[in-house]
Protein backbone atom coordinates (compact mmCIF):
# COMPACT_ATOMS: atom_id res chain seq x y z
CA UNK A 1 103.54 108.18 225.38
CA UNK A 2 102.77 105.03 227.29
CA UNK A 3 104.44 104.22 230.60
CA UNK A 4 107.61 102.02 230.41
CA UNK A 5 106.99 98.31 230.90
CA UNK A 6 109.29 95.56 232.18
CA UNK A 7 109.96 94.60 228.54
CA UNK A 8 111.75 97.92 228.14
CA UNK A 9 114.07 97.30 231.11
CA UNK A 10 117.68 96.14 231.32
CA UNK A 11 116.81 92.57 232.29
CA UNK A 12 114.71 92.06 229.15
CA UNK A 13 117.39 93.81 227.08
CA UNK A 14 120.13 91.51 228.38
CA UNK A 15 118.11 88.35 227.77
CA UNK A 16 117.24 89.50 224.26
CA UNK A 17 120.84 90.34 223.37
CA UNK A 18 122.12 86.99 224.63
CA UNK A 19 119.43 85.14 222.71
CA UNK A 20 120.16 87.12 219.56
CA UNK A 21 123.86 86.33 219.89
CA UNK A 22 123.12 82.60 220.10
CA UNK A 23 120.75 82.78 217.12
CA UNK A 24 123.33 84.74 215.15
CA UNK A 25 126.06 82.22 215.92
CA UNK A 26 123.80 79.38 214.78
CA UNK A 27 123.00 81.30 211.60
CA UNK A 28 126.70 81.85 210.92
CA UNK A 29 127.54 78.18 211.46
CA UNK A 30 124.71 77.12 209.16
CA UNK A 31 125.85 79.57 206.49
CA UNK A 32 129.46 78.40 206.82
CA UNK A 33 128.36 74.81 206.24
CA UNK A 34 126.33 75.65 203.12
CA UNK A 35 128.01 78.58 201.36
CA UNK A 36 131.29 76.75 200.51
CA UNK A 37 129.30 74.81 197.90
CA UNK A 38 129.16 78.04 195.87
CA UNK A 39 132.91 77.78 195.18
CA UNK A 40 132.90 74.03 194.51
CA UNK A 41 133.70 72.81 198.00
CA UNK A 42 131.76 70.16 199.92
CA UNK A 43 130.29 69.77 203.39
CA UNK A 44 129.90 66.43 205.13
CA UNK A 45 128.29 65.50 208.43
CA UNK A 46 130.45 63.32 210.68
CA UNK A 47 128.35 60.25 211.46
CA UNK A 48 130.69 58.32 213.80
CA UNK A 49 133.27 58.85 216.52
CA UNK A 50 136.24 57.36 214.65
CA UNK A 51 137.91 60.78 214.43
CA UNK A 52 137.58 61.72 218.11
CA UNK A 53 138.72 64.08 219.52
CA UNK A 54 139.35 66.01 216.30
CA UNK A 55 135.78 65.47 215.09
CA UNK A 56 132.74 64.36 217.06
CA UNK A 57 129.56 62.84 215.75
CA UNK A 58 127.37 65.65 214.43
CA UNK A 59 130.20 67.99 213.45
CA UNK A 60 130.30 69.27 209.88
CA UNK A 61 133.55 69.02 207.93
CA UNK A 62 134.06 71.53 205.14
CA UNK A 63 136.16 69.96 202.39
CA UNK A 64 138.00 71.63 199.51
CA UNK A 65 139.17 69.86 196.36
CA UNK A 66 142.87 69.04 196.32
CA UNK A 67 145.50 67.84 193.89
CA UNK A 68 146.17 64.34 195.21
CA UNK A 69 149.81 64.59 194.12
CA UNK A 70 150.31 67.23 196.84
CA UNK A 71 148.85 65.17 199.71
CA UNK A 72 151.04 64.67 202.75
CA UNK A 73 150.53 62.57 205.91
CA UNK A 74 148.52 64.40 208.54
CA UNK A 75 145.80 65.72 206.23
CA UNK A 76 142.21 64.73 207.03
CA UNK A 77 140.56 63.48 203.85
CA UNK A 78 136.99 62.86 202.73
CA UNK A 79 136.99 59.80 200.47
CA UNK A 80 134.67 57.23 198.98
CA UNK A 81 134.52 54.42 201.51
CA UNK A 82 136.55 51.54 200.03
CA UNK A 83 134.61 48.97 202.06
CA UNK A 84 131.02 50.28 201.80
CA UNK A 85 130.03 51.38 198.27
CA UNK A 86 128.03 54.59 198.19
CA UNK A 87 129.27 55.77 201.59
CA UNK A 88 131.91 58.35 202.53
CA UNK A 89 134.79 58.06 205.00
CA UNK A 90 136.51 60.89 206.88
CA UNK A 91 139.93 59.75 208.15
CA UNK A 92 143.47 61.04 208.44
CA UNK A 93 146.15 60.21 205.87
CA UNK A 94 149.03 58.38 207.57
CA UNK A 95 151.04 57.15 204.60
CA UNK A 96 151.19 57.48 200.83
CA UNK A 97 151.96 54.03 199.42
CA UNK A 98 152.66 52.96 195.89
CA UNK A 99 149.30 51.23 195.52
CA UNK A 100 147.10 53.65 197.45
CA UNK A 101 146.60 55.90 200.44
CA UNK A 102 146.68 54.51 203.99
CA UNK A 103 144.13 56.22 206.25
CA UNK A 104 143.34 55.93 209.91
CA UNK A 105 140.73 57.33 212.27
CA UNK A 106 142.31 59.27 215.14
CA UNK A 107 140.32 57.20 217.64
CA UNK A 108 141.09 53.86 216.00
CA UNK A 109 143.89 51.63 217.33
CA UNK A 110 145.08 50.65 213.85
CA UNK A 111 145.12 51.95 210.30
CA UNK A 112 142.24 51.15 207.94
CA UNK A 113 142.49 47.69 206.39
CA UNK A 114 141.73 48.91 202.83
CA UNK A 115 143.80 51.40 200.89
CA UNK A 116 142.11 54.33 199.16
CA UNK A 117 142.82 55.17 195.54
CA UNK A 118 143.63 58.82 194.74
CA UNK A 119 140.61 59.00 192.41
CA UNK A 120 138.35 58.32 195.42
CA UNK A 121 139.49 61.46 197.29
CA UNK A 122 136.84 64.18 197.45
CA UNK A 123 139.16 66.64 199.15
CA UNK A 124 140.98 67.72 202.28
CA UNK A 125 139.23 69.05 205.37
CA UNK A 126 139.70 72.78 205.67
CA UNK A 127 137.31 73.70 208.46
CA UNK A 128 135.25 71.97 211.14
CA UNK A 129 131.90 73.23 212.43
CA UNK A 130 130.83 71.71 215.76
CA UNK A 131 127.30 70.39 216.36
CA UNK A 132 125.79 71.79 213.15
CA UNK A 133 125.08 68.34 211.76
CA UNK A 134 123.41 66.91 214.88
CA UNK A 135 119.89 67.12 213.37
CA UNK A 136 121.07 65.07 210.39
CA UNK A 137 122.48 62.42 212.73
CA UNK A 138 119.26 62.33 214.74
CA UNK A 139 117.19 62.05 211.59
CA UNK A 140 119.34 59.17 210.30
CA UNK A 141 118.95 57.41 213.66
CA UNK A 142 115.18 58.14 213.73
CA UNK A 143 115.52 59.99 217.03
CA UNK A 144 112.40 62.15 217.08
CA UNK A 145 112.65 63.72 220.50
CA UNK A 146 115.99 65.46 220.01
CA UNK A 147 114.62 66.96 216.80
CA UNK A 148 111.48 68.13 218.56
CA UNK A 149 113.50 69.50 221.45
CA UNK A 150 115.76 71.42 219.07
CA UNK A 151 112.77 72.95 217.29
CA UNK A 152 111.22 73.99 220.59
CA UNK A 153 114.58 75.39 221.76
CA UNK A 154 114.91 77.51 218.63
CA UNK A 155 111.36 78.78 219.06
CA UNK A 156 112.13 79.69 222.65
CA UNK A 157 115.32 81.50 221.62
CA UNK A 158 113.42 83.49 219.04
CA UNK A 159 110.79 84.43 221.59
CA UNK A 160 113.46 85.56 224.07
CA UNK A 161 115.25 87.47 221.30
CA UNK A 162 112.05 89.46 220.81
CA UNK A 163 111.46 89.95 224.52
CA UNK A 164 112.89 93.45 224.77
CA UNK A 165 110.47 96.12 223.51
CA UNK A 166 111.98 99.54 222.98
CA UNK A 167 109.79 102.63 223.27
CA UNK A 168 110.85 103.44 219.72
CA UNK A 169 109.00 100.36 218.57
CA UNK A 170 105.75 102.24 219.11
CA UNK A 171 104.24 103.83 215.99
CA UNK A 172 105.84 107.28 215.61
CA UNK A 173 103.73 110.36 215.30
CA UNK A 174 103.41 111.92 211.87
CA UNK A 175 105.34 115.01 210.91
CA UNK A 176 103.70 118.28 211.73
CA UNK A 177 101.03 118.97 209.27
CA UNK A 178 100.91 115.39 207.97
CA UNK A 179 99.13 112.18 208.82
CA UNK A 180 100.85 109.66 211.05
CA UNK A 181 103.42 107.58 209.18
CA UNK A 182 102.33 103.96 208.71
CA UNK A 183 104.65 101.38 210.31
CA UNK A 184 105.12 97.66 209.98
CA UNK A 185 104.07 95.39 212.80
CA UNK A 186 106.63 95.17 215.65
CA UNK A 187 106.91 91.35 215.40
CA UNK A 188 107.78 91.20 211.73
CA UNK A 189 110.26 94.09 211.91
CA UNK A 190 111.96 92.90 215.09
CA UNK A 191 112.19 89.24 214.07
CA UNK A 192 114.47 90.08 211.16
CA UNK A 193 116.24 92.68 213.30
CA UNK A 194 116.91 90.04 215.97
CA UNK A 195 118.64 87.78 213.49
CA UNK A 196 120.66 90.63 211.97
CA UNK A 197 121.76 91.88 215.36
CA UNK A 198 122.63 88.36 216.45
CA UNK A 199 124.82 87.83 213.42
CA UNK A 200 126.66 91.09 214.08
CA UNK A 201 127.18 90.31 217.77
CA UNK A 202 128.34 86.74 217.19
CA UNK A 203 130.61 87.86 214.35
CA UNK A 204 132.31 90.26 216.73
CA UNK A 205 132.86 87.41 219.20
CA UNK A 206 134.25 85.09 216.51
CA UNK A 207 136.58 87.78 215.16
CA UNK A 208 137.91 88.35 218.67
CA UNK A 209 138.58 84.63 219.11
CA UNK A 210 140.35 84.47 215.76
CA UNK A 211 142.94 87.11 216.72
CA UNK A 212 146.59 85.89 216.78
CA UNK A 213 147.29 83.64 219.74
CA UNK A 214 143.69 82.52 220.19
CA UNK A 215 142.92 78.81 220.08
CA UNK A 216 140.53 77.51 217.44
CA UNK A 217 140.11 74.38 215.39
CA UNK A 218 141.94 74.53 212.04
CA UNK A 219 144.42 76.52 210.03
CA UNK A 220 144.66 76.08 206.30
CA UNK A 221 145.28 77.99 203.10
CA UNK A 222 142.90 77.01 200.34
CA UNK A 223 143.89 76.13 196.79
CA UNK A 224 142.61 79.57 195.81
CA UNK A 225 145.64 81.81 196.55
CA UNK A 226 143.52 84.80 197.48
CA UNK A 227 141.41 82.89 199.99
CA UNK A 228 142.91 82.26 203.40
CA UNK A 229 140.80 80.72 206.15
CA UNK A 230 142.06 82.17 209.46
CA UNK A 231 140.69 79.42 211.65
CA UNK A 232 143.29 78.07 214.05
CA UNK A 233 145.80 75.22 214.27
CA UNK A 234 144.35 71.76 214.61
CA UNK A 235 147.36 69.43 214.82
CA UNK A 236 148.95 68.96 218.23
CA UNK A 237 152.03 67.10 219.44
CA UNK A 238 149.64 64.61 221.00
CA UNK A 239 147.98 63.96 217.64
CA UNK A 240 151.39 63.21 216.15
CA UNK A 241 152.16 60.65 218.84
CA UNK A 242 148.74 59.01 218.62
CA UNK A 243 148.85 58.83 214.82
CA UNK A 244 152.25 57.15 214.81
CA UNK A 245 151.28 54.75 217.62
CA UNK A 246 153.48 55.81 220.55
CA UNK A 247 153.59 53.22 223.34
CA UNK A 248 154.91 55.75 225.86
CA UNK A 249 153.73 59.32 225.49
CA UNK A 250 154.38 61.82 228.28
CA UNK A 251 152.88 65.27 227.76
CA UNK A 252 154.58 66.49 230.96
CA UNK A 253 151.58 68.74 231.59
CA UNK A 254 151.32 67.95 235.31
CA UNK A 255 151.29 70.84 237.77
CA UNK A 256 151.70 68.78 240.95
CA UNK A 257 152.44 65.29 242.21
CA UNK A 258 155.12 62.76 241.30
CA UNK A 259 153.37 60.92 238.43
CA UNK A 260 154.03 61.76 234.79
CA UNK A 261 151.01 60.24 233.07
CA UNK A 262 151.51 57.99 230.07
CA UNK A 263 148.76 58.50 227.48
CA UNK A 264 150.35 56.17 224.93
CA UNK A 265 149.12 52.72 224.00
CA UNK A 266 151.12 51.00 226.77
CA UNK A 267 148.72 52.49 229.33
CA UNK A 268 149.13 53.62 232.90
CA UNK A 269 151.56 50.81 233.73
CA UNK A 270 154.10 52.89 231.85
CA UNK A 271 153.51 56.04 233.89
CA UNK A 272 156.78 57.72 234.79
CA UNK A 273 157.92 59.06 238.17
CA UNK A 274 159.22 62.55 238.79
CA UNK A 275 162.17 62.94 241.15
CA UNK A 276 161.23 64.51 244.48
CA UNK A 277 163.35 67.58 243.79
CA UNK A 278 164.89 69.43 240.88
CA UNK A 279 161.70 69.56 238.78
CA UNK A 280 159.67 72.72 238.07
CA UNK A 281 156.31 71.94 236.52
CA UNK A 282 154.06 74.10 234.37
CA UNK A 283 156.74 76.15 232.60
CA UNK A 284 156.19 77.41 229.05
CA UNK A 285 156.57 74.66 226.46
CA UNK A 286 156.79 74.40 222.66
CA UNK A 287 153.98 75.44 220.34
CA UNK A 288 152.16 72.14 220.32
CA UNK A 289 148.62 73.26 219.59
CA UNK A 290 145.59 73.21 221.84
CA UNK A 291 146.25 72.64 225.55
CA UNK A 292 149.78 71.34 224.89
CA UNK A 293 151.96 74.32 225.70
CA UNK A 294 153.36 73.38 229.13
CA UNK A 295 156.65 71.70 229.99
CA UNK A 296 158.86 70.77 232.95
CA UNK A 297 162.24 72.29 233.81
CA UNK A 298 165.02 70.15 235.25
CA UNK A 299 167.70 71.79 237.38
CA UNK A 300 170.71 69.84 236.07
CA UNK A 301 171.57 68.25 239.40
CA UNK A 302 168.58 66.33 240.78
CA UNK A 303 165.66 66.60 238.33
CA UNK A 304 164.75 63.45 236.39
CA UNK A 305 161.96 61.05 235.39
CA UNK A 306 161.94 57.28 235.03
CA UNK A 307 159.58 54.42 234.29
CA UNK A 308 159.11 51.49 236.68
CA UNK A 309 157.81 48.82 234.28
CA UNK A 310 160.57 46.65 232.83
CA UNK A 311 161.10 46.44 229.08
CA UNK A 312 162.95 43.42 227.72
CA UNK A 313 165.68 44.10 225.15
CA UNK A 314 164.01 46.52 222.72
CA UNK A 315 165.71 46.09 219.33
CA UNK A 316 163.34 48.20 217.24
CA UNK A 317 162.40 51.56 218.66
CA UNK A 318 162.16 55.32 218.22
CA UNK A 319 162.46 57.96 220.93
CA UNK A 320 161.40 61.58 220.59
CA UNK A 321 161.72 64.53 222.95
CA UNK A 322 161.29 68.30 222.82
CA UNK A 323 164.04 70.19 224.67
CA UNK A 324 165.05 73.77 225.39
CA UNK A 325 168.33 74.67 227.07
CA UNK A 326 171.30 77.02 227.28
CA UNK A 327 173.47 74.59 229.26
CA UNK A 328 177.16 74.15 228.48
CA UNK A 329 177.45 70.96 230.56
CA UNK A 330 175.42 68.61 228.34
CA UNK A 331 173.22 65.93 229.92
CA UNK A 332 171.01 62.99 229.01
CA UNK A 333 167.69 63.70 227.32
CA UNK A 334 166.36 60.14 227.21
CA UNK A 335 167.86 56.66 227.40
CA UNK A 336 167.52 53.04 228.51
CA UNK A 337 169.11 51.79 231.72
CA UNK A 338 168.82 48.98 234.29
CA UNK A 339 168.26 51.12 237.41
CA UNK A 340 164.65 50.93 238.55
CA UNK A 341 164.56 53.69 241.15
CA UNK A 342 165.97 56.70 239.38
CA UNK A 343 169.54 56.03 240.46
CA UNK A 344 172.55 55.52 238.21
CA UNK A 345 172.37 52.50 235.88
CA UNK A 346 175.23 50.06 235.46
CA UNK A 347 174.03 49.13 231.99
CA UNK A 348 172.92 51.96 229.75
CA UNK A 349 172.55 52.64 226.04
CA UNK A 350 169.88 53.54 223.45
CA UNK A 351 170.33 57.08 224.71
CA UNK A 352 170.11 60.60 223.33
CA UNK A 353 172.32 63.14 225.09
CA UNK A 354 173.78 66.62 224.66
CA UNK A 355 177.49 67.34 224.55
CA UNK A 356 178.94 70.32 226.39
CA UNK A 357 178.81 72.30 223.15
CA UNK A 358 175.10 71.61 222.70
CA UNK A 359 175.39 69.01 219.95
CA UNK A 360 172.90 66.13 220.02
CA UNK A 361 174.28 62.56 220.14
CA UNK A 362 172.54 59.18 219.83
CA UNK A 363 174.39 56.13 221.18
CA UNK A 364 173.83 52.36 221.07
CA UNK A 365 176.16 49.85 222.78
CA UNK A 366 177.03 46.46 221.25
CA UNK A 367 180.46 45.30 222.45
CA UNK A 368 181.52 48.80 221.58
CA UNK A 369 180.33 52.40 221.74
CA UNK A 370 178.50 53.49 218.61
CA UNK A 371 177.15 57.00 218.30
CA UNK A 372 176.08 59.55 215.72
CA UNK A 373 176.34 63.26 216.54
CA UNK A 374 174.83 66.37 215.00
CA UNK A 375 177.15 68.88 213.36
CA UNK A 376 175.23 71.83 214.82
CA UNK A 377 174.65 72.91 218.42
CA UNK A 378 171.17 73.39 219.87
CA UNK A 379 171.75 74.95 223.31
CA UNK A 380 170.48 78.32 222.09
CA UNK A 381 167.43 78.75 224.32
CA UNK A 382 164.94 77.72 221.61
CA UNK A 383 162.71 74.66 221.45
CA UNK A 384 164.09 71.75 219.41
CA UNK A 385 162.80 68.25 218.63
CA UNK A 386 165.25 65.33 218.88
CA UNK A 387 164.25 61.99 217.34
CA UNK A 388 166.34 58.80 217.32
CA UNK A 389 165.37 55.55 215.57
CA UNK A 390 166.96 52.10 215.58
CA UNK A 391 166.36 48.69 214.03
CA UNK A 392 168.32 45.85 212.46
CA UNK A 393 167.18 46.92 209.03
CA UNK A 394 167.77 50.66 209.32
CA UNK A 395 170.59 50.99 211.81
CA UNK A 396 170.90 54.27 213.74
CA UNK A 397 169.27 57.49 212.63
CA UNK A 398 169.25 60.83 214.42
CA UNK A 399 166.96 63.73 213.50
CA UNK A 400 166.81 67.23 214.95
CA UNK A 401 163.92 69.55 214.12
CA UNK A 402 162.59 67.09 211.54
CA UNK A 403 165.87 66.82 209.59
CA UNK A 404 168.24 63.84 209.48
CA UNK A 405 171.52 64.99 211.06
CA UNK A 406 173.30 61.65 211.44
CA UNK A 407 173.01 57.96 210.59
CA UNK A 408 175.06 54.77 210.82
CA UNK A 409 174.67 51.10 209.95
CA UNK A 410 177.80 50.12 211.88
CA UNK A 411 175.64 48.37 214.47
CA UNK A 412 172.26 46.72 214.00
CA UNK A 413 171.96 45.09 217.44
CA UNK A 414 171.62 46.91 220.76
CA UNK A 415 172.83 45.53 224.10
CA UNK A 416 170.74 42.59 225.28
CA UNK A 417 169.42 43.89 228.57
CA UNK A 418 166.23 44.47 230.51
CA UNK A 419 165.66 47.97 231.73
CA UNK A 420 163.62 51.14 232.02
CA UNK A 421 163.23 54.32 230.03
CA UNK A 422 165.00 57.22 231.73
CA UNK A 423 164.37 60.91 231.02
CA UNK A 424 166.62 63.82 231.99
CA UNK A 425 169.28 61.77 233.79
CA UNK A 426 171.15 58.48 233.85
CA UNK A 427 174.69 57.18 233.58
CA UNK A 428 176.58 58.10 230.43
CA UNK A 429 180.08 56.90 231.33
CA UNK A 430 183.46 58.04 230.03
CA UNK A 431 183.66 56.21 226.71
CA UNK A 432 180.91 57.71 224.60
CA UNK A 433 181.79 60.28 221.92
CA UNK A 434 181.43 63.81 223.23
CA UNK A 435 180.75 62.63 226.78
CA UNK A 436 179.32 65.64 228.67
CA UNK A 437 180.41 67.13 231.97
CA UNK A 438 176.99 66.39 233.50
CA UNK A 439 174.78 63.35 233.26
CA UNK A 440 171.85 65.49 234.46
CA UNK A 441 170.16 67.66 231.85
CA UNK A 442 169.57 71.31 232.78
CA UNK A 443 166.71 72.80 230.80
CA UNK A 444 163.07 72.22 229.81
CA UNK A 445 161.54 69.04 228.39
CA UNK A 446 158.13 68.38 226.84
CA UNK A 447 156.16 65.84 224.83
CA UNK A 448 158.36 62.74 225.27
CA UNK A 449 157.51 59.69 223.16
CA UNK A 450 158.77 56.11 222.88
CA UNK A 451 157.70 53.93 219.95
CA UNK A 452 158.11 50.22 219.29
CA UNK A 453 158.59 51.01 215.61
CA UNK A 454 160.94 53.01 213.43
CA UNK A 455 159.41 56.36 212.57
CA UNK A 456 159.69 57.24 208.90
CA UNK A 457 161.39 60.43 207.81
CA UNK A 458 157.97 61.75 206.81
CA UNK A 459 156.54 61.14 210.27
CA UNK A 460 159.52 62.83 211.90
CA UNK A 461 159.22 65.84 209.61
CA UNK A 462 155.48 66.10 210.29
CA UNK A 463 156.07 66.02 214.07
CA UNK A 464 158.24 69.11 213.71
CA UNK A 465 156.27 70.95 211.01
CA UNK A 466 152.83 70.69 212.58
CA UNK A 467 154.07 72.09 215.87
CA UNK A 468 155.33 75.30 214.26
């Protein structure tokens, strides 16, 4: 028996196992991008950044065929590009119209200019594989050095995977009374072993990450009833707001400071301000997908948020807020008032508030107090989504948890005033239906949005459904 060498030590073993795990993961990703073709699915390399952050350039989208009659807004579709014959387009469906499908890239500021016909749909995206398609992108862009670097990196990984040399790799002695048993060369035997071991190791890691509660990229059930792809949820509350074009979107994910960042299209000028007391940040929020599970808790006596950039007389708008409470004193969830510093407004309407019994009310003032109120109560300690929309053409509509719970066309004009959006507190006054005991809301808030448009019932339902 030969003396042990450094290639038989723990350092070489660790390097080899890590390299084999990486090689195995790459092999699994490559297989996942190719094997779906055996059941009639399709794989497509993402060649642009129009779907950031859902898809990056070089990702591979795995697409399954779909009955176009079942398509709903929110699905990511692979279609024949309506503007460039012979090319494909990967964008999200935002609306089903009578004369075609309206798509939009998540990173694009507006919907696509051309509608897509149902016959041009290849399928719906079921799974995303990061980075696998980078070589195809580099080849299309004639970028030689990244291709060469990748080839050299793979060769180096394979060499490191074969670094560890077990004593058992030496030719074994023959059985007593027989000639020594012939063996294959160490390199050929261990090269295939390295890949097999890497696949096993990386599979164990991926299975662990796919356990309930882990964050991954997609969740979908294929059109084949027996085939379920347990890859995680992809839609987040933020995606909903971006897709519908929220001007003000407050994740309320801050853990310190007094600024509630606006990530909507109105920009940082519409950042909101937290009150100096009465706000607890970083509490558990609704199930809103990746990195969107935090919220803020307001104490019901001092906690509030408000914007400081004036808005002139909004007559078409939608407001949306997630809330969780057990209060029996009501309080304002969101509204519009003329106080700029977080104090009590003297003019106030366009507001969504809770009654003492936990019912949700939406009020608009126009020489009178007009409000619609839910029949059910929602102060049960669970997360709920309140959405209110208003315009001259649609009147007042109130949704809770994606369902229309009240509407009225009694008023089509809101009070002509300049003001600020207020969250968690403002004046309510004595004359509104179901006026609560407290103007301050006591409970948790998350994912607050303000739109300059009227959300459709489909968009409201999707905002609730995709966060479940």
